[in-house]
Each structure stands twice: as structure tokens, then as C-alpha cells.
PDB file of N, CA and C in Angstrom:
ATOM      1  N   ILE A   1       0.826  -1.190   0.000  1.00  0.00           N
ATOM      2  CA  ILE A   1       0.000   0.000   0.000  1.00  0.00           C
ATOM      3  C   ILE A   1       0.870   1.254   0.000  1.00  0.00           C
ATOM      4  N   GLN A   2       1.996   1.206   0.718  1.00  0.00           N
ATOM      5  CA  GLN A   2       2.869   2.377   0.783  1.00  0.00           C
ATOM      6  C   GLN A   2       3.334   2.802  -0.610  1.00  0.00           C
ATOM      7  N   LYS A   3       3.634   1.828  -1.454  1.00  0.00           N
ATOM      8  CA  LYS A   3       4.075   2.127  -2.821  1.00  0.00           C
ATOM      9  C   LYS A   3       2.963   2.865  -3.583  1.00  0.00           C
ATOM     10  N   LEU A   4       1.738   2.407  -3.446  1.00  0.00           N
ATOM     11  CA  LEU A   4       0.615   3.064  -4.118  1.00  0.00           C
ATOM     12  C   LEU A   4       0.406   4.495  -3.603  1.00  0.00           C
ATOM     13  N   ILE A   5       0.554   4.681  -2.310  1.00  0.00           N
ATOM     14  CA  ILE A   5       0.408   6.017  -1.733  1.00  0.00           C
ATOM     15  C   ILE A   5       1.470   6.949  -2.308  1.00  0.00           C
ATOM     16  N   ASN A   6       2.707   6.474  -2.369  1.00  0.00           N
ATOM     17  CA  ASN A   6       3.789   7.307  -2.894  1.00  0.00           C
ATOM     18  C   ASN A   6       3.627   7.616  -4.373  1.00  0.00           C
ATOM     19  N   GLU A   7       3.086   6.682  -5.141  1.00  0.00           N
ATOM     20  CA  GLU A   7       2.942   6.877  -6.583  1.00  0.00           C
ATOM     21  C   GLU A   7       1.704   7.677  -6.967  1.00  0.00           C
ATOM     22  N   SER A   8       0.758   7.793  -6.076  1.00  0.00           N
ATOM     23  CA  SER A   8      -0.514   8.449  -6.393  1.00  0.00           C
ATOM     24  C   SER A   8      -0.449   9.955  -6.182  1.00  0.00           C
ATOM     25  N   SER A   9      -1.231  10.676  -6.969  1.00  0.00           N
ATOM     26  CA  SER A   9      -1.279  12.141  -6.888  1.00  0.00           C
ATOM     27  C   SER A   9      -2.514  12.647  -6.171  1.00  0.00           C
ATOM     28  N   LEU A  10      -3.532  11.801  -6.063  1.00  0.00           N
ATOM     29  CA  LEU A  10      -4.822  12.197  -5.507  1.00  0.00           C
ATOM     30  C   LEU A  10      -5.482  10.978  -4.887  1.00  0.00           C
ATOM     31  N   LEU A  11      -6.167  11.196  -3.769  1.00  0.00           N
ATOM     32  CA  LEU A  11      -6.928  10.106  -3.144  1.00  0.00           C
ATOM     33  C   LEU A  11      -8.404  10.457  -3.159  1.00  0.00           C
ATOM     34  N   ILE A  12      -9.205   9.509  -3.615  1.00  0.00           N
ATOM     35  CA  ILE A  12     -10.658   9.608  -3.502  1.00  0.00           C
ATOM     36  C   ILE A  12     -11.062   8.505  -2.536  1.00  0.00           C
ATOM     37  N   THR A  13     -11.654   8.900  -1.435  1.00  0.00           N
ATOM     38  CA  THR A  13     -11.992   7.934  -0.391  1.00  0.00           C
ATOM     39  C   THR A  13     -13.339   8.304   0.208  1.00  0.00           C
ATOM     40  N   ASP A  14     -13.837   7.465   1.063  1.00  0.00           N
ATOM     41  CA  ASP A  14     -15.056   7.804   1.794  1.00  0.00           C
ATOM     42  C   ASP A  14     -14.678   8.222   3.205  1.00  0.00           C
ATOM     43  N   TYR A  15     -14.208   7.270   4.014  1.00  0.00           N
ATOM     44  CA  TYR A  15     -13.867   7.563   5.411  1.00  0.00           C
ATOM     45  C   TYR A  15     -12.534   6.925   5.807  1.00  0.00           C
ATOM     46  N   SER A  16     -11.794   6.414   4.865  1.00  0.00           N
ATOM     47  CA  SER A  16     -10.608   5.617   5.136  1.00  0.00           C
ATOM     48  C   SER A  16      -9.508   6.411   5.841  1.00  0.00           C
ATOM     49  N   SER A  17      -8.840   5.735   6.764  1.00  0.00           N
ATOM     50  CA  SER A  17      -7.731   6.371   7.479  1.00  0.00           C
ATOM     51  C   SER A  17      -6.504   6.579   6.599  1.00  0.00           C
ATOM     52  N   VAL A  18      -6.458   5.974   5.433  1.00  0.00           N
ATOM     53  CA  VAL A  18      -5.334   6.228   4.520  1.00  0.00           C
ATOM     54  C   VAL A  18      -5.301   7.703   4.101  1.00  0.00           C
ATOM     55  N   SER A  19      -6.403   8.395   4.284  1.00  0.00           N
ATOM     56  CA  SER A  19      -6.440   9.829   3.975  1.00  0.00           C
ATOM     57  C   SER A  19      -5.415  10.601   4.799  1.00  0.00           C
ATOM     58  N   TRP A  20      -5.136  10.137   6.021  1.00  0.00           N
ATOM     59  CA  TRP A  20      -4.137  10.802   6.869  1.00  0.00           C
ATOM     60  C   TRP A  20      -2.750  10.707   6.243  1.00  0.00           C
ATOM     61  N   ASP A  21      -2.432   9.589   5.605  1.00  0.00           N
ATOM     62  CA  ASP A  21      -1.142   9.441   4.929  1.00  0.00           C
ATOM     63  C   ASP A  21      -1.017  10.440   3.785  1.00  0.00           C
ATOM     64  N   PHE A  22      -2.076  10.568   3.022  1.00  0.00           N
ATOM     65  CA  PHE A  22      -2.062  11.524   1.914  1.00  0.00           C
ATOM     66  C   PHE A  22      -1.934  12.951   2.428  1.00  0.00           C
ATOM     67  N   PHE A  23      -2.666  13.260   3.458  1.00  0.00           N
ATOM     68  CA  PHE A  23      -2.616  14.602   4.036  1.00  0.00           C
ATOM     69  C   PHE A  23      -1.210  14.908   4.547  1.00  0.00           C
ATOM     70  N   TYR A  24      -0.588  13.975   5.225  1.00  0.00           N
ATOM     71  CA  TYR A  24       0.768  14.167   5.748  1.00  0.00           C
ATOM     72  C   TYR A  24       1.751  14.425   4.608  1.00  0.00           C
ATOM     73  N   LEU A  25       1.515  13.786   3.463  1.00  0.00           N
ATOM     74  CA  LEU A  25       2.404  13.929   2.310  1.00  0.00           C
ATOM     75  C   LEU A  25       2.033  15.114   1.416  1.00  0.00           C
ATOM     76  N   CYS A  26       1.091  15.937   1.871  1.00  0.00           N
ATOM     77  CA  CYS A  26       0.664  17.145   1.135  1.00  0.00           C
ATOM     78  C   CYS A  26       0.023  16.809  -0.208  1.00  0.00           C
ATOM     79  N   LYS A  27      -0.682  15.689  -0.246  1.00  0.00           N
ATOM     80  CA  LYS A  27      -1.385  15.276  -1.464  1.00  0.00           C
ATOM     81  C   LYS A  27      -2.878  15.498  -1.255  1.00  0.00           C
ATOM     82  N   PRO A  28      -3.583  15.938  -2.292  1.00  0.00           N
ATOM     83  CA  PRO A  28      -5.010  16.230  -2.131  1.00  0.00           C
ATOM     84  C   PRO A  28      -5.877  14.996  -1.899  1.00  0.00           C
ATOM     85  N   VAL A  29      -6.936  15.228  -1.123  1.00  0.00           N
ATOM     86  CA  VAL A  29      -7.896  14.166  -0.776  1.00  0.00           C
ATOM     87  C   VAL A  29      -9.295  14.667  -1.106  1.00  0.00           C
ATOM     88  N   ILE A  30     -10.068  13.811  -1.742  1.00  0.00           N
ATOM     89  CA  ILE A  30     -11.491  14.072  -1.961  1.00  0.00           C
ATOM     90  C   ILE A  30     -12.253  13.018  -1.169  1.00  0.00           C
ATOM     91  N   PHE A  31     -13.102  13.482  -0.274  1.00  0.00           N
ATOM     92  CA  PHE A  31     -13.939  12.575   0.511  1.00  0.00           C
ATOM     93  C   PHE A  31     -15.283  12.451  -0.193  1.00  0.00           C
ATOM     94  N   TYR A  32     -15.498  11.327  -0.836  1.00  0.00           N
ATOM     95  CA  TYR A  32     -16.755  11.051  -1.532  1.00  0.00           C
ATOM     96  C   TYR A  32     -17.625  10.225  -0.585  1.00  0.00           C
ATOM     97  N   GLN A  33     -18.502  10.903   0.133  1.00  0.00           N
ATOM     98  CA  GLN A  33     -19.285  10.285   1.205  1.00  0.00           C
ATOM     99  C   GLN A  33     -20.752  10.160   0.796  1.00  0.00           C
ATOM    100  N   PHE A  34     -20.983   9.319  -0.189  1.00  0.00           N
ATOM    101  CA  PHE A  34     -22.308   9.130  -0.772  1.00  0.00           C
ATOM    102  C   PHE A  34     -23.327   8.550   0.206  1.00  0.00           C
ATOM    103  N   ASP A  35     -22.845   7.921   1.267  1.00  0.00           N
ATOM    104  CA  ASP A  35     -23.727   7.283   2.247  1.00  0.00           C
ATOM    105  C   ASP A  35     -23.598   7.961   3.614  1.00  0.00           C
ATOM    106  N   PHE A  36     -23.379   9.253   3.613  1.00  0.00           N
ATOM    107  CA  PHE A  36     -23.040  10.017   4.803  1.00  0.00           C
ATOM    108  C   PHE A  36     -23.998   9.806   5.975  1.00  0.00           C
ATOM    109  N   ASP A  37     -25.282   9.993   5.769  1.00  0.00           N
ATOM    110  CA  ASP A  37     -26.257   9.873   6.869  1.00  0.00           C
ATOM    111  C   ASP A  37     -26.279   8.469   7.461  1.00  0.00           C
ATOM    112  N   ASP A  38     -26.260   7.461   6.608  1.00  0.00           N
ATOM    113  CA  ASP A  38     -26.236   6.078   7.094  1.00  0.00           C
ATOM    114  C   ASP A  38     -24.943   5.782   7.850  1.00  0.00           C
ATOM    115  N   TYR A  39     -23.840   6.274   7.343  1.00  0.00           N
ATOM    116  CA  TYR A  39     -22.553   6.041   7.999  1.00  0.00           C
ATOM    117  C   TYR A  39     -22.552   6.624   9.412  1.00  0.00           C
ATOM    118  N   LEU A  40     -22.963   7.871   9.541  1.00  0.00           N
ATOM    119  CA  LEU A  40     -22.987   8.499  10.866  1.00  0.00           C
ATOM    120  C   LEU A  40     -23.935   7.778  11.813  1.00  0.00           C
ATOM    121  N   LYS A  41     -25.075   7.369  11.298  1.00  0.00           N
ATOM    122  CA  LYS A  41     -26.064   6.675  12.127  1.00  0.00           C
ATOM    123  C   LYS A  41     -25.535   5.331  12.622  1.00  0.00           C
ATOM    124  N   ASN A  42     -24.866   4.596  11.745  1.00  0.00           N
ATOM    125  CA  ASN A  42     -24.436   3.240  12.068  1.00  0.00           C
ATOM    126  C   ASN A  42     -23.024   3.127  12.640  1.00  0.00           C
ATOM    127  N   ARG A  43     -22.159   4.068  12.292  1.00  0.00           N
ATOM    128  CA  ARG A  43     -20.760   3.965  12.716  1.00  0.00           C
ATOM    129  C   ARG A  43     -20.297   5.118  13.595  1.00  0.00           C
ATOM    130  N   GLY A  44     -20.744   6.322  13.283  1.00  0.00           N
ATOM    131  CA  GLY A  44     -20.274   7.498  14.010  1.00  0.00           C
ATOM    132  C   GLY A  44     -18.877   7.899  13.567  1.00  0.00           C
ATOM    133  N   SER A  45     -18.362   8.984  14.158  1.00  0.00           N
ATOM    134  CA  SER A  45     -17.041   9.461  13.778  1.00  0.00           C
ATOM    135  C   SER A  45     -16.420  10.259  14.906  1.00  0.00           C
ATOM    136  N   TYR A  46     -15.110  10.210  15.008  1.00  0.00           N
ATOM    137  CA  TYR A  46     -14.386  11.003  15.999  1.00  0.00           C
ATOM    138  C   TYR A  46     -14.116  12.421  15.497  1.00  0.00           C
ATOM    139  N   LEU A  47     -14.358  12.663  14.206  1.00  0.00           N
ATOM    140  CA  LEU A  47     -14.211  13.993  13.611  1.00  0.00           C
ATOM    141  C   LEU A  47     -15.567  14.509  13.150  1.00  0.00           C
ATOM    142  N   ASP A  48     -15.706  15.808  13.106  1.00  0.00           N
ATOM    143  CA  ASP A  48     -16.874  16.415  12.465  1.00  0.00           C
ATOM    144  C   ASP A  48     -16.615  16.321  10.962  1.00  0.00           C
ATOM    145  N   LEU A  49     -17.260  15.381  10.313  1.00  0.00           N
ATOM    146  CA  LEU A  49     -16.962  15.070   8.912  1.00  0.00           C
ATOM    147  C   LEU A  49     -17.426  16.134   7.924  1.00  0.00           C
ATOM    148  N   LYS A  50     -18.130  17.129   8.387  1.00  0.00           N
ATOM    149  CA  LYS A  50     -18.509  18.230   7.502  1.00  0.00           C
ATOM    150  C   LYS A  50     -17.582  19.430   7.670  1.00  0.00           C
ATOM    151  N   ASN A  51     -16.952  19.565   8.841  1.00  0.00           N
ATOM    152  CA  ASN A  51     -16.187  20.775   9.117  1.00  0.00           C
ATOM    153  C   ASN A  51     -14.718  20.557   9.456  1.00  0.00           C
ATOM    154  N   ASP A  52     -14.344  19.382   9.893  1.00  0.00           N
ATOM    155  CA  ASP A  52     -12.978  19.171  10.379  1.00  0.00           C
ATOM    156  C   ASP A  52     -12.155  18.218   9.528  1.00  0.00           C
ATOM    157  N   ILE A  53     -12.462  18.106   8.262  1.00  0.00           N
ATOM    158  CA  ILE A  53     -11.654  17.245   7.407  1.00  0.00           C
ATOM    159  C   ILE A  53     -10.736  18.107   6.543  1.00  0.00           C
ATOM    160  N   PHE A  54      -9.754  17.495   5.971  1.00  0.00           N
ATOM    161  CA  PHE A  54      -8.654  18.183   5.295  1.00  0.00           C
ATOM    162  C   PHE A  54      -8.656  17.922   3.794  1.00  0.00           C
ATOM    163  N   GLY A  55      -9.849  17.931   3.240  1.00  0.00           N
ATOM    164  CA  GLY A  55      -9.990  17.746   1.804  1.00  0.00           C
ATOM    165  C   GLY A  55     -11.396  18.110   1.386  1.00  0.00           C
ATOM    166  N   ASP A  56     -11.594  18.131   0.084  1.00  0.00           N
ATOM    167  CA  ASP A  56     -12.926  18.434  -0.430  1.00  0.00           C
ATOM    168  C   ASP A  56     -13.869  17.294  -0.088  1.00  0.00           C
ATOM    169  N   ARG A  57     -15.098  17.635   0.241  1.00  0.00           N
ATOM    170  CA  ARG A  57     -16.099  16.652   0.645  1.00  0.00           C
ATOM    171  C   ARG A  57     -17.327  16.777  -0.234  1.00  0.00           C
ATOM    172  N   THR A  58     -17.837  15.646  -0.688  1.00  0.00           N
ATOM    173  CA  THR A  58     -19.049  15.658  -1.487  1.00  0.00           C
ATOM    174  C   THR A  58     -19.835  14.367  -1.292  1.00  0.00           C
ATOM    175  N   GLU A  59     -21.120  14.483  -1.532  1.00  0.00           N
ATOM    176  CA  GLU A  59     -22.002  13.312  -1.568  1.00  0.00           C
ATOM    177  C   GLU A  59     -22.543  13.126  -2.982  1.00  0.00           C
ATOM    178  N   SER A  60     -22.093  13.956  -3.913  1.00  0.00           N
ATOM    179  CA  SER A  60     -22.635  14.028  -5.265  1.00  0.00           C
ATOM    180  C   SER A  60     -21.642  13.528  -6.312  1.00  0.00           C
ATOM    181  N   ASN A  61     -22.120  12.696  -7.233  1.00  0.00           N
ATOM    182  CA  ASN A  61     -21.294  12.233  -8.353  1.00  0.00           C
ATOM    183  C   ASN A  61     -20.825  13.402  -9.206  1.00  0.00           C
ATOM    184  N   VAL A  62     -21.721  14.331  -9.464  1.00  0.00           N
ATOM    185  CA  VAL A  62     -21.404  15.474 -10.315  1.00  0.00           C
ATOM    186  C   VAL A  62     -20.310  16.324  -9.672  1.00  0.00           C
ATOM    187  N   GLU A  63     -20.458  16.604  -8.398  1.00  0.00           N
ATOM    188  CA  GLU A  63     -19.453  17.408  -7.696  1.00  0.00           C
ATOM    189  C   GLU A  63     -18.121  16.664  -7.598  1.00  0.00           C
ATOM    190  N   LEU A  64     -18.172  15.354  -7.426  1.00  0.00           N
ATOM    191  CA  LEU A  64     -16.950  14.551  -7.413  1.00  0.00           C
ATOM    192  C   LEU A  64     -16.174  14.754  -8.705  1.00  0.00           C
ATOM    193  N   MET A  65     -16.860  14.687  -9.827  1.00  0.00           N
ATOM    194  CA  MET A  65     -16.209  14.884 -11.128  1.00  0.00           C
ATOM    195  C   MET A  65     -15.633  16.290 -11.247  1.00  0.00           C
ATOM    196  N   GLN A  66     -16.301  17.285 -10.711  1.00  0.00           N
ATOM    197  CA  GLN A  66     -15.791  18.662 -10.738  1.00  0.00           C
ATOM    198  C   GLN A  66     -14.496  18.765  -9.937  1.00  0.00           C
ATOM    199  N   TYR A  67     -14.465  18.147  -8.772  1.00  0.00           N
ATOM    200  CA  TYR A  67     -13.245  18.161  -7.954  1.00  0.00           C
ATOM    201  C   TYR A  67     -12.092  17.459  -8.672  1.00  0.00           C
ATOM    202  N   ILE A  68     -12.375  16.314  -9.274  1.00  0.00           N
ATOM    203  CA  ILE A  68     -11.326  15.588 -10.000  1.00  0.00           C
ATOM    204  C   ILE A  68     -10.762  16.451 -11.116  1.00  0.00           C
ATOM    205  N   LYS A  69     -11.627  17.079 -11.885  1.00  0.00           N
ATOM    206  CA  LYS A  69     -11.177  17.958 -12.977  1.00  0.00           C
ATOM    207  C   LYS A  69     -10.353  19.118 -12.434  1.00  0.00           C
ATOM    208  N   PHE A  70     -10.774  19.674 -11.301  1.00  0.00           N
ATOM    209  CA  PHE A  70     -10.020  20.777 -10.695  1.00  0.00           C
ATOM    210  C   PHE A  70      -8.588  20.345 -10.413  1.00  0.00           C
ATOM    211  N   TYR A  71      -8.431  19.195  -9.770  1.00  0.00           N
ATOM    212  CA  TYR A  71      -7.088  18.752  -9.409  1.00  0.00           C
ATOM    213  C   TYR A  71      -6.254  18.380 -10.632  1.00  0.00           C
ATOM    214  N   ILE A  72      -6.864  17.812 -11.638  1.00  0.00           N
ATOM    215  CA  ILE A  72      -6.149  17.535 -12.886  1.00  0.00           C
ATOM    216  C   ILE A  72      -5.635  18.843 -13.480  1.00  0.00           C
ATOM    217  N   ASN A  73      -6.497  19.842 -13.523  1.00  0.00           N
ATOM    218  CA  ASN A  73      -6.131  21.133 -14.126  1.00  0.00           C
ATOM    219  C   ASN A  73      -5.170  21.955 -13.280  1.00  0.00           C
ATOM    220  N   ASN A  74      -4.974  21.568 -12.023  1.00  0.00           N
ATOM    221  CA  ASN A  74      -4.078  22.292 -11.124  1.00  0.00           C
ATOM    222  C   ASN A  74      -2.904  21.428 -10.671  1.00  0.00           C
ATOM    223  N   SER A  75      -2.498  20.519 -11.532  1.00  0.00           N
ATOM    224  CA  SER A  75      -1.321  19.668 -11.301  1.00  0.00           C
ATOM    225  C   SER A  75      -1.377  18.912  -9.974  1.00  0.00           C
ATOM    226  N   PHE A  76      -2.580  18.589  -9.535  1.00  0.00           N
ATOM    227  CA  PHE A  76      -2.792  17.818  -8.305  1.00  0.00           C
ATOM    228  C   PHE A  76      -2.187  18.509  -7.076  1.00  0.00           C
ATOM    229  N   SER A  77      -2.191  19.831  -7.090  1.00  0.00           N
ATOM    230  CA  SER A  77      -1.688  20.596  -5.947  1.00  0.00           C
ATOM    231  C   SER A  77      -2.757  20.681  -4.866  1.00  0.00           C
ATOM    232  N   GLU A  78      -2.324  20.514  -3.642  1.00  0.00           N
ATOM    233  CA  GLU A  78      -3.217  20.634  -2.499  1.00  0.00           C
ATOM    234  C   GLU A  78      -3.677  22.090  -2.366  1.00  0.00           C
ATOM    235  N   LYS A  79      -4.946  22.280  -2.037  1.00  0.00           N
ATOM    236  CA  LYS A  79      -5.473  23.631  -1.837  1.00  0.00           C
ATOM    237  C   LYS A  79      -4.876  24.244  -0.573  1.00  0.00           C
ATOM    238  N   GLU A  80      -4.610  25.543  -0.600  1.00  0.00           N
ATOM    239  CA  GLU A  80      -4.001  26.238   0.539  1.00  0.00           C
ATOM    240  C   GLU A  80      -4.824  26.100   1.814  1.00  0.00           C
ATOM    241  N   GLU A  81      -6.137  26.083   1.691  1.00  0.00           N
ATOM    242  CA  GLU A  81      -6.979  25.976   2.890  1.00  0.00           C
ATOM    243  C   GLU A  81      -6.719  24.682   3.658  1.00  0.00           C
ATOM    244  N   TYR A  82      -6.317  23.631   2.959  1.00  0.00           N
ATOM    245  CA  TYR A  82      -6.021  22.367   3.625  1.00  0.00           C
ATOM    246  C   TYR A  82      -4.576  22.325   4.100  1.00  0.00           C
ATOM    247  N   THR A  83      -3.688  22.955   3.371  1.00  0.00           N
ATOM    248  CA  THR A  83      -2.295  23.049   3.798  1.00  0.00           C
ATOM    249  C   THR A  83      -2.218  23.717   5.167  1.00  0.00           C
ATOM    250  N   GLY A  84      -3.031  24.747   5.376  1.00  0.00           N
ATOM    251  CA  GLY A  84      -3.041  25.470   6.634  1.00  0.00           C
ATOM    252  C   GLY A  84      -3.509  24.645   7.820  1.00  0.00           C
ATOM    253  N   LEU A  85      -4.221  23.574   7.572  1.00  0.00           N
ATOM    254  CA  LEU A  85      -4.715  22.706   8.654  1.00  0.00           C
ATOM    255  C   LEU A  85      -3.656  21.733   9.180  1.00  0.00           C
ATOM    256  N   ARG A  86      -2.575  21.562   8.426  1.00  0.00           N
ATOM    257  CA  ARG A  86      -1.601  20.539   8.779  1.00  0.00           C
ATOM    258  C   ARG A  86      -1.079  20.721  10.211  1.00  0.00           C
ATOM    259  N   ASN A  87      -0.782  21.955  10.611  1.00  0.00           N
ATOM    260  CA  ASN A  87      -0.267  22.186  11.967  1.00  0.00           C
ATOM    261  C   ASN A  87      -1.288  21.849  13.044  1.00  0.00           C
ATOM    262  N   LYS A  88      -2.556  21.890  12.706  1.00  0.00           N
ATOM    263  CA  LYS A  88      -3.601  21.538  13.670  1.00  0.00           C
ATOM    264  C   LYS A  88      -3.546  20.046  14.020  1.00  0.00           C
ATOM    265  N   PHE A  89      -3.206  19.235  13.043  1.00  0.00           N
ATOM    266  CA  PHE A  89      -3.255  17.791  13.228  1.00  0.00           C
ATOM    267  C   PHE A  89      -1.893  17.131  13.477  1.00  0.00           C
ATOM    268  N   PHE A  90      -0.812  17.747  13.008  1.00  0.00           N
ATOM    269  CA  PHE A  90       0.513  17.145  13.134  1.00  0.00           C
ATOM    270  C   PHE A  90       1.455  18.082  13.876  1.00  0.00           C
ATOM    271  N   LYS A  91       2.019  17.597  14.963  1.00  0.00           N
ATOM    272  CA  LYS A  91       2.968  18.405  15.728  1.00  0.00           C
ATOM    273  C   LYS A  91       4.277  18.563  14.959  1.00  0.00           C
ATOM    274  N   TYR A  92       4.685  17.510  14.255  1.00  0.00           N
ATOM    275  CA  TYR A  92       5.940  17.534  13.510  1.00  0.00           C
ATOM    276  C   TYR A  92       5.683  17.245  12.034  1.00  0.00           C
ATOM    277  N   SER A  93       6.424  17.906  11.196  1.00  0.00           N
ATOM    278  CA  SER A  93       6.395  17.629   9.767  1.00  0.00           C
ATOM    279  C   SER A  93       7.840  17.718   9.280  1.00  0.00           C
ATOM    280  N   ASP A  94       8.604  16.692   9.626  1.00  0.00           N
ATOM    281  CA  ASP A  94      10.020  16.675   9.296  1.00  0.00           C
ATOM    282  C   ASP A  94      10.448  15.230   9.049  1.00  0.00           C
ATOM    283  N   ASN A  95      11.724  14.995   9.020  1.00  0.00           N
ATOM    284  CA  ASN A  95      12.247  13.650   8.775  1.00  0.00           C
ATOM    285  C   ASN A  95      12.853  13.020  10.031  1.00  0.00           C
ATOM    286  N   PHE A  96      12.347  13.398  11.204  1.00  0.00           N
ATOM    287  CA  PHE A  96      12.938  12.919  12.446  1.00  0.00           C
ATOM    288  C   PHE A  96      11.988  12.064  13.289  1.00  0.00           C
ATOM    289  N   ASN A  97      10.931  11.545  12.701  1.00  0.00           N
ATOM    290  CA  ASN A  97       9.999  10.712  13.459  1.00  0.00           C
ATOM    291  C   ASN A  97      10.680   9.462  14.013  1.00  0.00           C
ATOM    292  N   CYS A  98      11.501   8.807  13.205  1.00  0.00           N
ATOM    293  CA  CYS A  98      12.197   7.599  13.676  1.00  0.00           C
ATOM    294  C   CYS A  98      13.114   7.927  14.842  1.00  0.00           C
ATOM    295  N   LYS A  99      13.803   9.048  14.746  1.00  0.00           N
ATOM    296  CA  LYS A  99      14.701   9.457  15.831  1.00  0.00           C
ATOM    297  C   LYS A  99      13.910   9.703  17.122  1.00  0.00           C
ATOM    298  N   ARG A 100      12.759  10.375  17.021  1.00  0.00           N
ATOM    299  CA  ARG A 100      11.945  10.644  18.203  1.00  0.00           C
ATOM    300  C   ARG A 100      11.441   9.342  18.830  1.00  0.00           C
ATOM    301  N   ILE A 101      11.015   8.418  18.005  1.00  0.00           N
ATOM    302  CA  ILE A 101      10.547   7.126  18.507  1.00  0.00           C
ATOM    303  C   ILE A 101      11.702   6.391  19.204  1.00  0.00           C
ATOM    304  N   TYR A 102      12.850   6.392  18.590  1.00  0.00           N
ATOM    305  CA  TYR A 102      14.016   5.742  19.184  1.00  0.00           C
ATOM    306  C   TYR A 102      14.361   6.364  20.530  1.00  0.00           C
ATOM    307  N   GLU A 103      14.397   7.662  20.594  1.00  0.00           N
ATOM    308  CA  GLU A 103      14.744   8.366  21.845  1.00  0.00           C
ATOM    309  C   GLU A 103      13.729   8.051  22.962  1.00  0.00           C
ATOM    310  N   GLU A 104      12.455   8.012  22.617  1.00  0.00           N
ATOM    311  CA  GLU A 104      11.433   7.693  23.608  1.00  0.00           C
ATOM    312  C   GLU A 104      11.527   6.232  24.049  1.00  0.00           C
ATOM    313  N   THR A 105      11.851   5.345  23.125  1.00  0.00           N
ATOM    314  CA  THR A 105      11.984   3.925  23.443  1.00  0.00           C
ATOM    315  C   THR A 105      13.161   3.693  24.384  1.00  0.00           C
ATOM    316  N   LYS A 106      14.230   4.431  24.206  1.00  0.00           N
ATOM    317  CA  LYS A 106      15.406   4.295  25.089  1.00  0.00           C
ATOM    318  C   LYS A 106      15.057   4.667  26.523  1.00  0.00           C
ATOM    319  N   LYS A 107      14.098   5.548  26.705  1.00  0.00           N
ATOM    320  CA  LYS A 107      13.690   5.987  28.053  1.00  0.00           C
ATOM    321  C   LYS A 107      12.959   4.885  28.815  1.00  0.00           C
ATOM    322  N   LEU A 108      12.405   3.914  28.100  1.00  0.00           N
ATOM    323  CA  LEU A 108      11.660   2.836  28.752  1.00  0.00           C
ATOM    324  C   LEU A 108      12.611   1.946  29.442  1.00  0.00           C
TER     325      LEU A 108
END
């Protein structure tokens, strides 16, 4: 899966946690939530799926196609409004995660 994430320019998903990987890598995400009401009723969510997600959200086939065309025409660049959210969700955005994990593990 990691290879596919690295090779892909855009993710279209419903509620999958793989969206976090794309977001961390500054790649655009479209949340196509065609079954939104049923999903919330039956599963629930730890996020406000209408206001606290980091990508375009739609329940419509037509709007999904519009978002896809937008990203194609904009070289699959992440929208600035979502780039600004990264600090809200990630404390670090660097290449030192392994080092931090190692340092914390040594303390045990």
C-alpha cells in the first residue's frame, strides 16, 4: 500500500484512514461520502466530517467529477486551505519521526 500512496497524486476515499497518509504527504484528498447519513447513524465518527476534514467533501457524483477535474487542471496541488490545517493535526512535519521514537523507546 505504501508504494501506491507514494505513486498516487490524488486520493478519492469515503472515510478511510489512509487519507491521513495523503494529508501528511501534502497530497489532495477528496472525501466522496455518498452514504453520509447512514454512515454516521451506524458507525459514528471522531471527527466532524462536515467541518474538520482536510480535503474536499461531497455526496454528489457530479461534484466529485468537478473536484477531480479541478485537481487535474491544477497539477494535483493541495489547496491552501487544507495546507493550513496541517499544523492543527501534526505536531511535527520533518524527517525525524524515527529518531523521536528511538529516543522515547530508550527511556523505557
